[in-house]
Structure formats: C-alpha cells, structure tokens
Amino acid sequence: MNAVRAGAVSAGTLMLLLMSSPAFALTRDDGDDPGPGLSLINTLGLFVAAPIVLFLVIAGLVMVLSRKSDNVMTHDTHYPRTSR
C-alpha cells in the first residue's frame, strides 16, 4: 500500500513539475513587452546597495528615536553586576 501511495505522489509531483516547466516561455504572450536589461552596476545597486542603505537608514532612525523616547521599555535596562 505504501508503494502505491509513494508512486502516486511521485507521479503527481512529476506531472506538476512538467506542467510548470519554462517550455512555453519562448513564445511571447499578449502584452509581453520586456524592457532593456540592467547593467552590472545597475543590478548591484538595485539588489545589493539599495537594501543595505535602506537597512542602515531604518536602523539609524530606530536608534536615534529610541534615545529620545520616554518609554521605559526602550531604555537600556542592563546594568553590570556589582561585586559582592
């Protein structure tokens, strides 16, 4: 029984993979109008530099705005242990 189930799952998975293969990507669809490709510099700027800059800006804003906050939960609550 397990062999039949495994065979059915494998066949179903294979059929789904074959149907979703990019074989039909060679023919243009209606409304398909690809633009010009990105250069290496544009690609690195868009997918590497922009996320890093955005992360740094957000982290900087969070740090600056949390220092001015009156909320007790945002203050530094870690105090070094005193020696006994």
PDB file of N, CA and C in Angstrom:
ATOM      1  N   MET A   1       0.821  -1.191   0.000  1.00  0.00           N
ATOM      2  CA  MET A   1       0.000   0.000   0.000  1.00  0.00           C
ATOM      3  C   MET A   1       0.867   1.258   0.000  1.00  0.00           C
ATOM      4  N   ASN A   2       1.965   1.238   0.784  1.00  0.00           N
ATOM      5  CA  ASN A   2       2.857   2.396   0.830  1.00  0.00           C
ATOM      6  C   ASN A   2       3.538   2.628  -0.511  1.00  0.00           C
ATOM      7  N   ALA A   3       3.842   1.547  -1.227  1.00  0.00           N
ATOM      8  CA  ALA A   3       4.494   1.678  -2.531  1.00  0.00           C
ATOM      9  C   ALA A   3       3.555   2.345  -3.533  1.00  0.00           C
ATOM     10  N   VAL A   4       2.282   1.994  -3.481  1.00  0.00           N
ATOM     11  CA  VAL A   4       1.308   2.594  -4.386  1.00  0.00           C
ATOM     12  C   VAL A   4       1.157   4.084  -4.075  1.00  0.00           C
ATOM     13  N   ARG A   5       1.089   4.391  -2.793  1.00  0.00           N
ATOM     14  CA  ARG A   5       0.961   5.794  -2.389  1.00  0.00           C
ATOM     15  C   ARG A   5       2.194   6.595  -2.819  1.00  0.00           C
ATOM     16  N   ALA A   6       3.374   6.024  -2.612  1.00  0.00           N
ATOM     17  CA  ALA A   6       4.606   6.704  -2.999  1.00  0.00           C
ATOM     18  C   ALA A   6       4.662   6.893  -4.513  1.00  0.00           C
ATOM     19  N   GLY A   7       4.222   5.908  -5.254  1.00  0.00           N
ATOM     20  CA  GLY A   7       4.202   6.028  -6.706  1.00  0.00           C
ATOM     21  C   GLY A   7       3.235   7.098  -7.173  1.00  0.00           C
ATOM     22  N   ALA A   8       2.069   7.176  -6.533  1.00  0.00           N
ATOM     23  CA  ALA A   8       1.079   8.185  -6.913  1.00  0.00           C
ATOM     24  C   ALA A   8       1.591   9.586  -6.598  1.00  0.00           C
ATOM     25  N   VAL A   9       2.217   9.746  -5.439  1.00  0.00           N
ATOM     26  CA  VAL A   9       2.765  11.056  -5.078  1.00  0.00           C
ATOM     27  C   VAL A   9       3.885  11.443  -6.031  1.00  0.00           C
ATOM     28  N   SER A  10       4.746  10.498  -6.360  1.00  0.00           N
ATOM     29  CA  SER A  10       5.848  10.784  -7.285  1.00  0.00           C
ATOM     30  C   SER A  10       5.323  11.139  -8.668  1.00  0.00           C
ATOM     31  N   ALA A  11       4.337  10.407  -9.148  1.00  0.00           N
ATOM     32  CA  ALA A  11       3.777  10.695 -10.477  1.00  0.00           C
ATOM     33  C   ALA A  11       3.101  12.062 -10.485  1.00  0.00           C
ATOM     34  N   GLY A  12       2.360  12.372  -9.429  1.00  0.00           N
ATOM     35  CA  GLY A  12       1.703  13.672  -9.347  1.00  0.00           C
ATOM     36  C   GLY A  12       2.711  14.806  -9.311  1.00  0.00           C
ATOM     37  N   THR A  13       3.760  14.629  -8.537  1.00  0.00           N
ATOM     38  CA  THR A  13       4.800  15.654  -8.455  1.00  0.00           C
ATOM     39  C   THR A  13       5.492  15.831  -9.801  1.00  0.00           C
ATOM     40  N   LEU A  14       5.773  14.733 -10.479  1.00  0.00           N
ATOM     41  CA  LEU A  14       6.412  14.806 -11.789  1.00  0.00           C
ATOM     42  C   LEU A  14       5.529  15.530 -12.799  1.00  0.00           C
ATOM     43  N   MET A  15       4.240  15.248 -12.766  1.00  0.00           N
ATOM     44  CA  MET A  15       3.327  15.916 -13.702  1.00  0.00           C
ATOM     45  C   MET A  15       3.255  17.417 -13.429  1.00  0.00           C
ATOM     46  N   LEU A  16       3.210  17.798 -12.146  1.00  0.00           N
ATOM     47  CA  LEU A  16       3.178  19.220 -11.813  1.00  0.00           C
ATOM     48  C   LEU A  16       4.458  19.920 -12.245  1.00  0.00           C
ATOM     49  N   LEU A  17       5.595  19.246 -12.057  1.00  0.00           N
ATOM     50  CA  LEU A  17       6.865  19.843 -12.473  1.00  0.00           C
ATOM     51  C   LEU A  17       6.949  19.990 -13.990  1.00  0.00           C
ATOM     52  N   LEU A  18       6.444  19.002 -14.711  1.00  0.00           N
ATOM     53  CA  LEU A  18       6.477  19.086 -16.170  1.00  0.00           C
ATOM     54  C   LEU A  18       5.556  20.184 -16.689  1.00  0.00           C
ATOM     55  N   MET A  19       4.408  20.361 -16.033  1.00  0.00           N
ATOM     56  CA  MET A  19       3.477  21.399 -16.480  1.00  0.00           C
ATOM     57  C   MET A  19       4.002  22.796 -16.173  1.00  0.00           C
ATOM     58  N   SER A  20       4.805  22.930 -15.152  1.00  0.00           N
ATOM     59  CA  SER A  20       5.293  24.254 -14.790  1.00  0.00           C
ATOM     60  C   SER A  20       6.678  24.544 -15.361  1.00  0.00           C
ATOM     61  N   SER A  21       7.165  23.723 -16.234  1.00  0.00           N
ATOM     62  CA  SER A  21       8.483  23.948 -16.814  1.00  0.00           C
ATOM     63  C   SER A  21       8.435  25.150 -17.741  1.00  0.00           C
ATOM     64  N   PRO A  22       9.554  25.794 -17.977  1.00  0.00           N
ATOM     65  CA  PRO A  22       9.570  27.013 -18.792  1.00  0.00           C
ATOM     66  C   PRO A  22       9.568  26.739 -20.292  1.00  0.00           C
ATOM     67  N   ALA A  23       8.963  25.640 -20.745  1.00  0.00           N
ATOM     68  CA  ALA A  23       8.977  25.320 -22.166  1.00  0.00           C
ATOM     69  C   ALA A  23       8.206  26.344 -22.982  1.00  0.00           C
ATOM     70  N   PHE A  24       7.159  26.922 -22.391  1.00  0.00           N
ATOM     71  CA  PHE A  24       6.341  27.878 -23.126  1.00  0.00           C
ATOM     72  C   PHE A  24       6.832  29.305 -22.951  1.00  0.00           C
ATOM     73  N   ALA A  25       7.958  29.498 -22.310  1.00  0.00           N
ATOM     74  CA  ALA A  25       8.479  30.840 -22.087  1.00  0.00           C
ATOM     75  C   ALA A  25       9.105  31.423 -23.353  1.00  0.00           C
ATOM     76  N   LEU A  26       9.318  30.606 -24.366  1.00  0.00           N
ATOM     77  CA  LEU A  26       9.935  31.095 -25.592  1.00  0.00           C
ATOM     78  C   LEU A  26       8.955  31.874 -26.452  1.00  0.00           C
ATOM     79  N   THR A  27       7.664  31.570 -26.310  1.00  0.00           N
ATOM     80  CA  THR A  27       6.673  32.297 -27.103  1.00  0.00           C
ATOM     81  C   THR A  27       6.200  33.518 -26.326  1.00  0.00           C
ATOM     82  N   ARG A  28       6.046  34.623 -27.020  1.00  0.00           N
ATOM     83  CA  ARG A  28       5.608  35.862 -26.399  1.00  0.00           C
ATOM     84  C   ARG A  28       4.118  35.805 -26.134  1.00  0.00           C
ATOM     85  N   ASP A  29       3.718  36.366 -24.998  1.00  0.00           N
ATOM     86  CA  ASP A  29       2.315  36.453 -24.628  1.00  0.00           C
ATOM     87  C   ASP A  29       1.763  37.799 -25.042  1.00  0.00           C
ATOM     88  N   ASP A  30       0.458  37.922 -25.049  1.00  0.00           N
ATOM     89  CA  ASP A  30      -0.157  39.220 -25.334  1.00  0.00           C
ATOM     90  C   ASP A  30       0.214  40.207 -24.251  1.00  0.00           C
ATOM     91  N   GLY A  31       0.669  41.364 -24.637  1.00  0.00           N
ATOM     92  CA  GLY A  31       1.048  42.394 -23.678  1.00  0.00           C
ATOM     93  C   GLY A  31       2.444  42.216 -23.110  1.00  0.00           C
ATOM     94  N   ASP A  32       3.166  41.211 -23.532  1.00  0.00           N
ATOM     95  CA  ASP A  32       4.519  40.977 -23.039  1.00  0.00           C
ATOM     96  C   ASP A  32       5.468  41.929 -23.752  1.00  0.00           C
ATOM     97  N   ASP A  33       6.010  42.872 -23.018  1.00  0.00           N
ATOM     98  CA  ASP A  33       6.909  43.857 -23.607  1.00  0.00           C
ATOM     99  C   ASP A  33       8.109  44.034 -22.686  1.00  0.00           C
ATOM    100  N   PRO A  34       9.111  43.152 -22.782  1.00  0.00           N
ATOM    101  CA  PRO A  34      10.256  43.260 -21.884  1.00  0.00           C
ATOM    102  C   PRO A  34      11.070  44.514 -22.189  1.00  0.00           C
ATOM    103  N   GLY A  35      11.533  45.130 -21.148  1.00  0.00           N
ATOM    104  CA  GLY A  35      12.338  46.333 -21.303  1.00  0.00           C
ATOM    105  C   GLY A  35      13.792  45.979 -21.513  1.00  0.00           C
ATOM    106  N   PRO A  36      14.639  46.996 -21.581  1.00  0.00           N
ATOM    107  CA  PRO A  36      16.073  46.732 -21.743  1.00  0.00           C
ATOM    108  C   PRO A  36      16.644  46.095 -20.480  1.00  0.00           C
ATOM    109  N   GLY A  37      17.681  45.306 -20.632  1.00  0.00           N
ATOM    110  CA  GLY A  37      18.304  44.640 -19.495  1.00  0.00           C
ATOM    111  C   GLY A  37      19.069  45.614 -18.620  1.00  0.00           C
ATOM    112  N   LEU A  38      19.363  45.185 -17.392  1.00  0.00           N
ATOM    113  CA  LEU A  38      20.125  46.002 -16.466  1.00  0.00           C
ATOM    114  C   LEU A  38      21.609  45.721 -16.632  1.00  0.00           C
ATOM    115  N   SER A  39      22.406  46.753 -16.461  1.00  0.00           N
ATOM    116  CA  SER A  39      23.847  46.551 -16.485  1.00  0.00           C
ATOM    117  C   SER A  39      24.287  45.971 -15.135  1.00  0.00           C
ATOM    118  N   LEU A  40      25.532  45.597 -15.041  1.00  0.00           N
ATOM    119  CA  LEU A  40      26.053  45.030 -13.794  1.00  0.00           C
ATOM    120  C   LEU A  40      25.984  46.054 -12.665  1.00  0.00           C
ATOM    121  N   ILE A  41      26.331  47.291 -12.950  1.00  0.00           N
ATOM    122  CA  ILE A  41      26.308  48.340 -11.926  1.00  0.00           C
ATOM    123  C   ILE A  41      24.879  48.592 -11.457  1.00  0.00           C
ATOM    124  N   ASN A  42      23.933  48.658 -12.393  1.00  0.00           N
ATOM    125  CA  ASN A  42      22.535  48.857 -12.024  1.00  0.00           C
ATOM    126  C   ASN A  42      22.004  47.699 -11.182  1.00  0.00           C
ATOM    127  N   THR A  43      22.371  46.487 -11.554  1.00  0.00           N
ATOM    128  CA  THR A  43      21.914  45.308 -10.814  1.00  0.00           C
ATOM    129  C   THR A  43      22.470  45.310  -9.400  1.00  0.00           C
ATOM    130  N   LEU A  44      23.761  45.571  -9.253  1.00  0.00           N
ATOM    131  CA  LEU A  44      24.359  45.607  -7.913  1.00  0.00           C
ATOM    132  C   LEU A  44      23.783  46.740  -7.074  1.00  0.00           C
ATOM    133  N   GLY A  45      23.555  47.871  -7.701  1.00  0.00           N
ATOM    134  CA  GLY A  45      22.980  48.994  -6.976  1.00  0.00           C
ATOM    135  C   GLY A  45      21.567  48.703  -6.506  1.00  0.00           C
ATOM    136  N   LEU A  46      20.781  48.075  -7.359  1.00  0.00           N
ATOM    137  CA  LEU A  46      19.380  47.818  -7.042  1.00  0.00           C
ATOM    138  C   LEU A  46      19.201  46.684  -6.044  1.00  0.00           C
ATOM    139  N   PHE A  47      19.958  45.610  -6.179  1.00  0.00           N
ATOM    140  CA  PHE A  47      19.733  44.421  -5.366  1.00  0.00           C
ATOM    141  C   PHE A  47      20.729  44.248  -4.224  1.00  0.00           C
ATOM    142  N   VAL A  48      21.789  45.054  -4.170  1.00  0.00           N
ATOM    143  CA  VAL A  48      22.762  44.950  -3.083  1.00  0.00           C
ATOM    144  C   VAL A  48      22.853  46.260  -2.305  1.00  0.00           C
ATOM    145  N   ALA A  49      23.193  47.322  -2.975  1.00  0.00           N
ATOM    146  CA  ALA A  49      23.435  48.595  -2.287  1.00  0.00           C
ATOM    147  C   ALA A  49      22.154  49.200  -1.719  1.00  0.00           C
ATOM    148  N   ALA A  50      21.078  49.187  -2.482  1.00  0.00           N
ATOM    149  CA  ALA A  50      19.827  49.803  -2.017  1.00  0.00           C
ATOM    150  C   ALA A  50      19.285  49.128  -0.754  1.00  0.00           C
ATOM    151  N   PRO A  51      19.237  47.794  -0.667  1.00  0.00           N
ATOM    152  CA  PRO A  51      18.771  47.183   0.580  1.00  0.00           C
ATOM    153  C   PRO A  51      19.679  47.477   1.774  1.00  0.00           C
ATOM    154  N   ILE A  52      20.980  47.519   1.554  1.00  0.00           N
ATOM    155  CA  ILE A  52      21.904  47.815   2.654  1.00  0.00           C
ATOM    156  C   ILE A  52      21.696  49.250   3.140  1.00  0.00           C
ATOM    157  N   VAL A  53      21.584  50.190   2.211  1.00  0.00           N
ATOM    158  CA  VAL A  53      21.364  51.593   2.591  1.00  0.00           C
ATOM    159  C   VAL A  53      20.026  51.737   3.307  1.00  0.00           C
ATOM    160  N   LEU A  54      18.995  51.089   2.810  1.00  0.00           N
ATOM    161  CA  LEU A  54      17.680  51.158   3.446  1.00  0.00           C
ATOM    162  C   LEU A  54      17.717  50.576   4.856  1.00  0.00           C
ATOM    163  N   PHE A  55      18.417  49.466   5.041  1.00  0.00           N
ATOM    164  CA  PHE A  55      18.555  48.867   6.363  1.00  0.00           C
ATOM    165  C   PHE A  55      19.271  49.826   7.313  1.00  0.00           C
ATOM    166  N   LEU A  56      20.357  50.433   6.847  1.00  0.00           N
ATOM    167  CA  LEU A  56      21.106  51.352   7.698  1.00  0.00           C
ATOM    168  C   LEU A  56      20.295  52.590   8.069  1.00  0.00           C
ATOM    169  N   VAL A  57      19.507  53.102   7.131  1.00  0.00           N
ATOM    170  CA  VAL A  57      18.670  54.265   7.427  1.00  0.00           C
ATOM    171  C   VAL A  57      17.620  53.909   8.473  1.00  0.00           C
ATOM    172  N   ILE A  58      16.956  52.776   8.303  1.00  0.00           N
ATOM    173  CA  ILE A  58      15.935  52.365   9.266  1.00  0.00           C
ATOM    174  C   ILE A  58      16.547  52.100  10.631  1.00  0.00           C
ATOM    175  N   ALA A  59      17.679  51.411  10.683  1.00  0.00           N
ATOM    176  CA  ALA A  59      18.338  51.131  11.961  1.00  0.00           C
ATOM    177  C   ALA A  59      18.780  52.421  12.635  1.00  0.00           C
ATOM    178  N   GLY A  60      19.296  53.370  11.862  1.00  0.00           N
ATOM    179  CA  GLY A  60      19.703  54.651  12.429  1.00  0.00           C
ATOM    180  C   GLY A  60      18.524  55.427  12.984  1.00  0.00           C
ATOM    181  N   LEU A  61      17.413  55.440  12.262  1.00  0.00           N
ATOM    182  CA  LEU A  61      16.220  56.127  12.760  1.00  0.00           C
ATOM    183  C   LEU A  61      15.706  55.492  14.043  1.00  0.00           C
ATOM    184  N   VAL A  62      15.713  54.170  14.106  1.00  0.00           N
ATOM    185  CA  VAL A  62      15.252  53.491  15.312  1.00  0.00           C
ATOM    186  C   VAL A  62      16.152  53.834  16.490  1.00  0.00           C
ATOM    187  N   MET A  63      17.458  53.841  16.281  1.00  0.00           N
ATOM    188  CA  MET A  63      18.379  54.147  17.379  1.00  0.00           C
ATOM    189  C   MET A  63      18.230  55.588  17.842  1.00  0.00           C
ATOM    190  N   VAL A  64      18.120  56.525  16.902  1.00  0.00           N
ATOM    191  CA  VAL A  64      18.007  57.936  17.272  1.00  0.00           C
ATOM    192  C   VAL A  64      16.682  58.206  17.970  1.00  0.00           C
ATOM    193  N   LEU A  65      15.608  57.685  17.439  1.00  0.00           N
ATOM    194  CA  LEU A  65      14.299  57.959  18.014  1.00  0.00           C
ATOM    195  C   LEU A  65      14.078  57.238  19.342  1.00  0.00           C
ATOM    196  N   SER A  66      14.737  56.109  19.576  1.00  0.00           N
ATOM    197  CA  SER A  66      14.546  55.406  20.842  1.00  0.00           C
ATOM    198  C   SER A  66      15.325  56.077  21.969  1.00  0.00           C
ATOM    199  N   ARG A  67      16.345  56.846  21.667  1.00  0.00           N
ATOM    200  CA  ARG A  67      17.080  57.564  22.712  1.00  0.00           C
ATOM    201  C   ARG A  67      16.250  58.698  23.296  1.00  0.00           C
ATOM    202  N   LYS A  68      15.428  59.320  22.481  1.00  0.00           N
ATOM    203  CA  LYS A  68      14.635  60.453  22.918  1.00  0.00           C
ATOM    204  C   LYS A  68      13.297  60.030  23.518  1.00  0.00           C
ATOM    205  N   SER A  69      13.032  58.747  23.537  1.00  0.00           N
ATOM    206  CA  SER A  69      11.736  58.266  23.980  1.00  0.00           C
ATOM    207  C   SER A  69      11.618  58.282  25.498  1.00  0.00           C
ATOM    208  N   ASP A  70      10.408  58.556  25.995  1.00  0.00           N
ATOM    209  CA  ASP A  70      10.137  58.488  27.419  1.00  0.00           C
ATOM    210  C   ASP A  70       9.627  57.099  27.808  1.00  0.00           C
ATOM    211  N   ASN A  71       9.525  56.235  26.871  1.00  0.00           N
ATOM    212  CA  ASN A  71       9.039  54.890  27.136  1.00  0.00           C
ATOM    213  C   ASN A  71      10.104  54.105  27.886  1.00  0.00           C
ATOM    214  N   VAL A  72       9.735  53.546  29.032  1.00  0.00           N
ATOM    215  CA  VAL A  72      10.695  52.809  29.862  1.00  0.00           C
ATOM    216  C   VAL A  72      11.175  51.555  29.151  1.00  0.00           C
ATOM    217  N   MET A  73      10.341  50.976  28.311  1.00  0.00           N
ATOM    218  CA  MET A  73      10.695  49.727  27.639  1.00  0.00           C
ATOM    219  C   MET A  73      11.804  49.916  26.607  1.00  0.00           C
ATOM    220  N   THR A  74      12.042  51.134  26.155  1.00  0.00           N
ATOM    221  CA  THR A  74      13.082  51.351  25.156  1.00  0.00           C
ATOM    222  C   THR A  74      14.407  51.773  25.767  1.00  0.00           C
ATOM    223  N   HIS A  75      14.447  51.967  27.071  1.00  0.00           N
ATOM    224  CA  HIS A  75      15.690  52.393  27.706  1.00  0.00           C
ATOM    225  C   HIS A  75      16.584  51.196  27.981  1.00  0.00           C
ATOM    226  N   ASP A  76      17.848  51.479  28.141  1.00  0.00           N
ATOM    227  CA  ASP A  76      18.809  50.432  28.443  1.00  0.00           C
ATOM    228  C   ASP A  76      18.602  49.981  29.891  1.00  0.00           C
ATOM    229  N   THR A  77      18.226  48.728  30.060  1.00  0.00           N
ATOM    230  CA  THR A  77      17.955  48.225  31.421  1.00  0.00           C
ATOM    231  C   THR A  77      19.025  47.255  31.882  1.00  0.00           C
ATOM    232  N   HIS A  78      20.086  47.103  31.115  1.00  0.00           N
ATOM    233  CA  HIS A  78      21.136  46.177  31.523  1.00  0.00           C
ATOM    234  C   HIS A  78      22.180  46.937  32.337  1.00  0.00           C
ATOM    235  N   TYR A  79      22.298  46.543  33.558  1.00  0.00           N
ATOM    236  CA  TYR A  79      23.296  47.157  34.433  1.00  0.00           C
ATOM    237  C   TYR A  79      24.320  46.098  34.808  1.00  0.00           C
ATOM    238  N   PRO A  80      25.588  46.458  34.848  1.00  0.00           N
ATOM    239  CA  PRO A  80      26.596  45.452  35.221  1.00  0.00           C
ATOM    240  C   PRO A  80      26.402  45.003  36.675  1.00  0.00           C
ATOM    241  N   ARG A  81      26.718  43.749  36.903  1.00  0.00           N
ATOM    242  CA  ARG A  81      26.587  43.204  38.250  1.00  0.00           C
ATOM    243  C   ARG A  81      27.616  43.843  39.162  1.00  0.00           C
ATOM    244  N   THR A  82      27.188  44.130  40.333  1.00  0.00           N
ATOM    245  CA  THR A  82      28.129  44.674  41.324  1.00  0.00           C
ATOM    246  C   THR A  82      28.813  43.529  42.039  1.00  0.00           C
ATOM    247  N   SER A  83      30.058  43.739  42.411  1.00  0.00           N
ATOM    248  CA  SER A  83      30.783  42.681  43.126  1.00  0.00           C
ATOM    249  C   SER A  83      30.282  42.614  44.565  1.00  0.00           C
ATOM    250  N   ARG A  84      30.224  41.400  45.121  1.00  0.00           N
ATOM    251  CA  ARG A  84      29.711  41.213  46.476  1.00  0.00           C
ATOM    252  C   ARG A  84      30.831  41.170  47.473  1.00  0.00           C
TER     253      ARG A  84
END
